[in-house]
Amino acid sequence: MEKPTFILAALLLWNFGLLIVDHIHFQYNGFLFGLMLLSIARLCQKRYLEGALLFAVLLHFKHIYVYVAPAYGIYLLRSYCFTANNADGSVKWRSFSFLHVTLMGLTVCLVSALSLGPFVVLGQLPQVISRLFPFKRGLCHAYWAPNFWALYNAMDKALTVVGLKYNFLDPTKIPKASMTGGLVQEFQHTVLPSVTPLATLICTLVSILVRTNDGFVNFMCPVLSGFCLISIHSM
């Protein structure tokens, strides 16, 4: 490694701020992001099974990475499971490889078996599943995370203040200001429609829609979108 490159790598690796934010945090986000980047690097090198293995491991470390799973699935299907293209660059459907699909499936199933096997044996898998998507935490968790829903909540608060000032709202029917109380629970909005888990799921799926060609740029767009969502929820 050239000296300037080595110095830059060392400065980034041992940056005190990154160590505090990404490694001392109880979720070890820096370690997990590193796994994701290593997986993407393997895809760049066309080492698809290694990339799939690393992503499966990552997903079992922290299930929130399911945000980028659709991008991975479609990219691997297009680039690994279909082995040839037509002259115009479109997929050659007859090139579909059942062997590659089988290898991919076995790789993912092996990781899942090692990760979830003990819970299955002990009969605790339902408990694990019930904790994967804790919707009862509300949109902003116990504080206003810097995401779209924080702006949505702020708009609801602003509209409530305006409505009370001009007597558009009945003060006796306004709930107490509890969104910033530090409690982990769901809250009802006053003016704007309250957001359901289904609505957030649809918004997430729309944000990570992917194209089906094998261009790596088209793979990275939804991955980065999912990466941003993960970063927001990890804060």
Protein backbone atom coordinates (compact mmCIF):
# COMPACT_ATOMS: atom_id res chain seq x y z
CA MET A 1 0.00 0.00 0.00
CA GLU A 2 1.35 3.44 -0.94
CA LYS A 3 2.23 5.73 1.96
CA PRO A 4 -0.50 8.42 1.39
CA THR A 5 -3.12 5.68 1.01
CA PHE A 6 -1.89 3.97 4.16
CA ILE A 7 -1.96 7.22 6.14
CA LEU A 8 -5.53 7.95 4.99
CA ALA A 9 -6.65 4.43 5.87
CA ALA A 10 -5.04 4.66 9.31
CA LEU A 11 -6.64 8.05 10.01
CA LEU A 12 -10.07 6.75 9.06
CA LEU A 13 -9.66 3.47 10.93
CA TRP A 14 -8.51 5.08 14.17
CA ASN A 15 -10.65 8.21 14.03
CA PHE A 16 -11.73 8.79 17.62
CA GLY A 17 -15.18 10.07 16.67
CA LEU A 18 -15.92 7.02 14.56
CA LEU A 19 -14.69 4.73 17.33
CA ILE A 20 -17.11 6.32 19.79
CA VAL A 21 -20.10 6.50 17.47
CA ASP A 22 -19.76 3.21 15.62
CA HIS A 23 -17.95 0.81 17.95
CA ILE A 24 -18.76 1.78 21.53
CA HIS A 25 -22.48 1.98 20.75
CA PHE A 26 -24.14 -1.20 22.01
CA GLN A 27 -25.27 -2.25 18.52
CA TYR A 28 -21.71 -2.23 17.08
CA ASN A 29 -22.85 -0.50 13.89
CA GLY A 30 -19.32 0.05 12.59
CA PHE A 31 -18.64 -3.68 12.64
CA LEU A 32 -21.94 -4.38 10.87
CA PHE A 33 -21.40 -1.72 8.21
CA GLY A 34 -17.98 -3.25 7.64
CA LEU A 35 -19.58 -6.64 6.98
CA MET A 36 -21.97 -5.06 4.49
CA LEU A 37 -19.17 -3.27 2.64
CA LEU A 38 -17.13 -6.48 2.56
CA SER A 39 -20.14 -8.27 1.08
CA ILE A 40 -20.51 -5.58 -1.59
CA ALA A 41 -16.79 -5.85 -2.35
CA ARG A 42 -17.20 -9.57 -2.98
CA LEU A 43 -20.02 -8.84 -5.42
CA CYS A 44 -17.76 -6.35 -7.22
CA GLN A 45 -15.21 -9.14 -7.55
CA LYS A 46 -17.95 -11.47 -8.89
CA ARG A 47 -17.49 -13.76 -5.90
CA TYR A 48 -21.23 -14.02 -5.54
CA LEU A 49 -21.51 -16.90 -3.08
CA GLU A 50 -19.10 -15.22 -0.69
CA GLY A 51 -21.10 -12.00 -0.97
CA ALA A 52 -24.34 -13.86 -0.30
CA LEU A 53 -22.80 -15.68 2.67
CA LEU A 54 -21.54 -12.45 4.22
CA PHE A 55 -24.88 -10.73 3.73
CA ALA A 56 -26.74 -13.67 5.27
CA VAL A 57 -24.43 -13.50 8.29
CA LEU A 58 -24.99 -9.74 8.46
CA LEU A 59 -28.76 -10.16 8.31
CA HIS A 60 -28.69 -12.55 11.27
CA PHE A 61 -26.50 -10.16 13.23
CA LYS A 62 -29.03 -7.37 12.76
CA HIS A 63 -32.32 -7.96 10.98
CA ILE A 64 -32.79 -4.30 10.06
CA TYR A 65 -30.53 -4.96 7.06
CA VAL A 66 -33.57 -6.58 5.48
CA TYR A 67 -33.98 -3.11 3.91
CA VAL A 68 -31.32 -3.96 1.36
CA ALA A 69 -32.25 -7.63 0.94
CA PRO A 70 -34.47 -6.98 -2.14
CA ALA A 71 -31.55 -5.29 -3.91
CA TYR A 72 -29.25 -8.19 -3.06
CA GLY A 73 -31.80 -10.78 -4.13
CA ILE A 74 -32.51 -9.24 -7.52
CA TYR A 75 -28.85 -8.48 -8.23
CA LEU A 76 -27.78 -12.03 -7.41
CA LEU A 77 -30.66 -13.47 -9.41
CA ARG A 78 -29.70 -11.39 -12.45
CA SER A 79 -25.93 -11.68 -12.18
CA TYR A 80 -25.40 -15.15 -10.72
CA CYS A 81 -28.48 -17.27 -11.41
CA PHE A 82 -28.72 -16.17 -15.06
CA THR A 83 -25.40 -16.97 -16.68
CA ALA A 84 -25.72 -15.37 -20.14
CA ASN A 85 -27.09 -12.29 -21.90
CA ASN A 86 -28.52 -11.66 -25.33
CA ALA A 87 -26.68 -9.46 -27.82
CA ASP A 88 -28.71 -6.42 -26.73
CA GLY A 89 -27.74 -6.95 -23.09
CA SER A 90 -31.08 -8.36 -21.96
CA VAL A 91 -31.19 -11.54 -19.94
CA LYS A 92 -31.18 -14.86 -21.75
CA TRP A 93 -33.95 -16.69 -19.93
CA ARG A 94 -32.73 -20.12 -20.96
CA SER A 95 -29.44 -19.48 -19.18
CA PHE A 96 -31.11 -19.82 -15.79
CA SER A 97 -28.93 -22.07 -13.62
CA PHE A 98 -30.71 -24.30 -11.12
CA LEU A 99 -27.31 -25.28 -9.75
CA HIS A 100 -26.49 -21.67 -8.89
CA VAL A 101 -29.91 -21.17 -7.28
CA THR A 102 -29.41 -24.33 -5.24
CA LEU A 103 -25.96 -23.25 -4.08
CA MET A 104 -27.30 -19.82 -3.15
CA GLY A 105 -30.21 -21.34 -1.25
CA LEU A 106 -28.01 -23.79 0.61
CA THR A 107 -25.65 -20.99 1.61
CA VAL A 108 -28.45 -18.89 3.07
CA CYS A 109 -30.16 -21.88 4.70
CA LEU A 110 -26.90 -22.99 6.34
CA VAL A 111 -26.41 -19.59 7.94
CA SER A 112 -30.05 -19.50 9.05
CA ALA A 113 -29.83 -23.00 10.52
CA LEU A 114 -26.71 -22.16 12.53
CA SER A 115 -28.22 -18.89 13.74
CA LEU A 116 -31.79 -19.95 14.52
CA GLY A 117 -31.28 -23.65 15.20
CA PRO A 118 -30.79 -23.31 18.97
CA PHE A 119 -33.98 -21.23 19.27
CA VAL A 120 -35.92 -23.85 17.32
CA VAL A 121 -34.61 -26.66 19.53
CA LEU A 122 -35.55 -24.75 22.70
CA GLY A 123 -38.95 -23.77 21.31
CA GLN A 124 -38.17 -20.06 21.51
CA LEU A 125 -38.42 -19.12 17.83
CA PRO A 126 -41.86 -17.42 18.27
CA GLN A 127 -40.28 -15.16 20.89
CA VAL A 128 -37.54 -14.18 18.45
CA ILE A 129 -40.02 -13.44 15.66
CA SER A 130 -42.22 -11.34 17.95
CA ARG A 131 -39.26 -9.05 18.66
CA LEU A 132 -38.02 -8.58 15.11
CA PHE A 133 -40.37 -5.71 14.23
CA PRO A 134 -41.39 -3.89 17.43
CA PHE A 135 -44.02 -1.55 15.97
CA LYS A 136 -45.18 -0.59 19.45
CA ARG A 137 -42.07 1.55 19.80
CA GLY A 138 -43.67 4.17 17.59
CA LEU A 139 -42.35 6.18 14.67
CA CYS A 140 -39.55 8.00 16.48
CA HIS A 141 -38.65 5.48 19.17
CA ALA A 142 -37.98 7.15 22.53
CA TYR A 143 -36.70 10.35 20.95
CA TRP A 144 -37.02 12.19 17.66
CA ALA A 145 -34.62 10.39 15.38
CA PRO A 146 -33.50 12.53 12.39
CA ASN A 147 -35.82 11.01 9.81
CA PHE A 148 -38.91 11.93 7.79
CA TRP A 149 -41.28 11.01 10.59
CA ALA A 150 -39.68 13.57 12.89
CA LEU A 151 -40.64 16.23 10.32
CA TYR A 152 -44.11 14.69 10.08
CA ASN A 153 -44.54 14.87 13.87
CA ALA A 154 -43.22 18.42 13.95
CA MET A 155 -45.74 19.43 11.28
CA ASP A 156 -48.53 17.87 13.34
CA LYS A 157 -47.40 19.83 16.38
CA ALA A 158 -47.23 23.08 14.39
CA LEU A 159 -50.71 22.53 12.95
CA THR A 160 -52.02 21.79 16.43
CA VAL A 161 -50.64 25.08 17.77
CA VAL A 162 -52.17 27.00 14.86
CA GLY A 163 -55.48 25.16 15.25
CA LEU A 164 -55.68 25.99 18.95
CA LYS A 165 -54.73 29.61 18.39
CA TYR A 166 -57.49 30.19 15.85
CA ASN A 167 -60.03 27.94 17.62
CA PHE A 168 -60.09 25.32 14.89
CA LEU A 169 -59.49 22.59 17.48
CA ASP A 170 -61.15 21.78 20.78
CA PRO A 171 -58.53 22.07 23.57
CA THR A 172 -60.31 19.40 25.62
CA LYS A 173 -59.80 16.84 22.86
CA ILE A 174 -56.10 17.48 22.34
CA PRO A 175 -53.88 14.71 23.78
CA LYS A 176 -51.05 15.65 26.10
CA ALA A 177 -47.68 16.41 24.51
CA SER A 178 -46.11 12.99 24.91
CA MET A 179 -44.15 12.36 21.71
CA THR A 180 -41.03 13.84 23.29
CA GLY A 181 -41.57 12.38 26.74
CA GLY A 182 -38.97 9.66 26.29
CA LEU A 183 -41.51 6.84 26.43
CA VAL A 184 -41.28 3.93 24.01
CA GLN A 185 -44.83 3.58 22.71
CA GLU A 186 -47.22 4.54 19.93
CA PHE A 187 -48.84 7.96 19.79
CA GLN A 188 -51.84 9.34 17.95
CA HIS A 189 -51.44 12.46 15.84
CA THR A 190 -53.79 15.37 16.39
CA VAL A 191 -54.23 16.89 12.93
CA LEU A 192 -52.36 14.71 10.45
CA PRO A 193 -53.37 11.07 9.91
CA SER A 194 -51.74 8.64 12.32
CA VAL A 195 -49.24 6.44 10.51
CA THR A 196 -49.79 2.68 10.56
CA PRO A 197 -47.10 -0.03 10.26
CA LEU A 198 -48.50 -0.92 6.82
CA ALA A 199 -48.00 2.67 5.63
CA THR A 200 -44.37 2.69 6.76
CA LEU A 201 -43.82 -0.68 5.07
CA ILE A 202 -45.20 0.63 1.77
CA CYS A 203 -43.02 3.76 1.98
CA THR A 204 -39.96 1.60 2.63
CA LEU A 205 -40.69 -0.74 -0.28
CA VAL A 206 -41.25 2.18 -2.66
CA SER A 207 -37.94 3.74 -1.61
CA ILE A 208 -35.95 0.60 -2.47
CA LEU A 209 -37.57 -0.41 -5.76
CA VAL A 210 -34.87 -1.87 -7.98
CA ARG A 211 -34.28 -2.44 -11.65
CA THR A 212 -33.73 -5.94 -12.98
CA ASN A 213 -30.63 -5.48 -15.14
CA ASP A 214 -27.19 -6.44 -13.95
CA GLY A 215 -25.65 -2.98 -13.79
CA PHE A 216 -23.75 -2.55 -10.54
CA VAL A 217 -24.79 1.11 -10.34
CA ASN A 218 -28.43 0.08 -10.43
CA PHE A 219 -27.68 -2.35 -7.61
CA MET A 220 -25.95 0.27 -5.49
CA CYS A 221 -28.79 2.84 -5.72
CA PRO A 222 -31.29 0.81 -3.66
CA VAL A 223 -28.50 -0.48 -1.44
CA LEU A 224 -27.53 3.10 -0.57
CA SER A 225 -31.20 3.93 -0.04
CA GLY A 226 -31.51 1.02 2.36
CA PHE A 227 -28.17 1.98 3.94
CA CYS A 228 -29.59 5.44 4.72
CA LEU A 229 -32.69 3.89 6.28
CA ILE A 230 -30.52 1.59 8.38
CA SER A 231 -28.32 4.50 9.49
CA ILE A 232 -31.38 6.45 10.58
CA HIS A 233 -32.81 3.59 12.62
CA SER A 234 -29.43 2.77 14.15
CA MET A 235 -28.96 6.21 15.65
